[in-house]
């Protein structure tokens, strides 16, 4: 089934390869570079090579997405910009400080307790009631990221609910009592996250450092509010996006018997290849925005194009990930382990590229493979497709109400 911008789903033709489920009305695969009108004119890129050129031009571009340009960079704010907004030496220094917590070899060391966490969560899925995959995936993502960040010893177990509330899209259309109550919950979620989760972790690590990110930030002189900003950034970049990857992967698997059989029969590498291809096809972050800080020359379809300093560049990740010149035939079909050029990652730009490439990509894939494998080890029935909402900040999707229940005992994959 394919979901459109209104959140509705439409069936696909039986017997055909699974295809992209999530689409927007303005989705297009061409031209590779064009100037588009809007509240602010922008240069839209749909070519993988052009997109990678922009993302790797750190000396001529800066972050313009995720509300980065609304952050008070020079207005005397006492809060440091989060890593997502930093550029230059400050960005590289902070990346180096956090890198070892997300390195592939380190992530493999997390595997035993991630497996235990996933098994415990999947054990709550029963045959006599429906369980929503999205909140379950959020609990997995929160517990994993919290332990790496250093929030695992926080004073409350409700952290995933607070973060869910804070990142919940605002779909209110009227000032009803219910809408006002939801707005109040969202506005206080950040305060509750700070008081109940972040501050207790900081106090604990001021007494005794541990091997986690908060301890490292304290060593680097970060204040409590600076650490809160980083925790929220990692929550948005690591927890919420990983939840979406888990949910959309389960949706694809339960919607296609052949894909599910392939996933179950695969070894660990083969299962990750399925997740990579799902993520290529359904990138959680739909657009990456950059602002040029100097003139930038690009090779457009009709010849060289020079973008002036101050131009907004909109990298359409859904289009870039379906660039037939890079991914080959049937770019909108789901074909795990499709042949790609040697320098092209399996998920293409779903984790970004250049100096702002997601440092948590290895962690997201490993924890997603563990959680999804634990869940689909059981035969499951789904009540229907999920509800789709589009997020203005990430320019991507939020999935909810993918409800499942067990229908038989476990079916063990061959390659655990």
Foldseek 3Di string as FASTA:
>chain_A
DAAEQQQDFDDDDPPDFAFFRYYYPPDDQDDQWDWDDDPAIAIEGLALVQQQVVQAPLVWKFFDALCLVVDCPPPPDPADAALLRDGDPVNVVLCVLLQVLQDLVNLVVCQVVLLVLLLVLLVPFAFPDWDKLLLSLLLSQCCVQCVQAQQNPFQDPCLSVLLCLQPPDQPDDDPDPVSVVSVVSNVCSLVCCLVGTQVVRLVVVVVPNDNHNSVSVVVVPHDSVNSSNNVNVCCVVGRQQLSVLLQQLLLVLVVDVVNVVQCLQDALVQVLLLSLLSCLQAQQQQKTKMFTQAWDWDQGPVGIDIDGHGHIYIYGSNSNSQNCVFQNPPSRGRDGPRDGPPPADSSRQSQHDHSSRNSNVSNSSSSSSSNNLSNSQFDKDWPDAWGWHADPRSRHIHTIRRIIHGDDDGNHRPHD
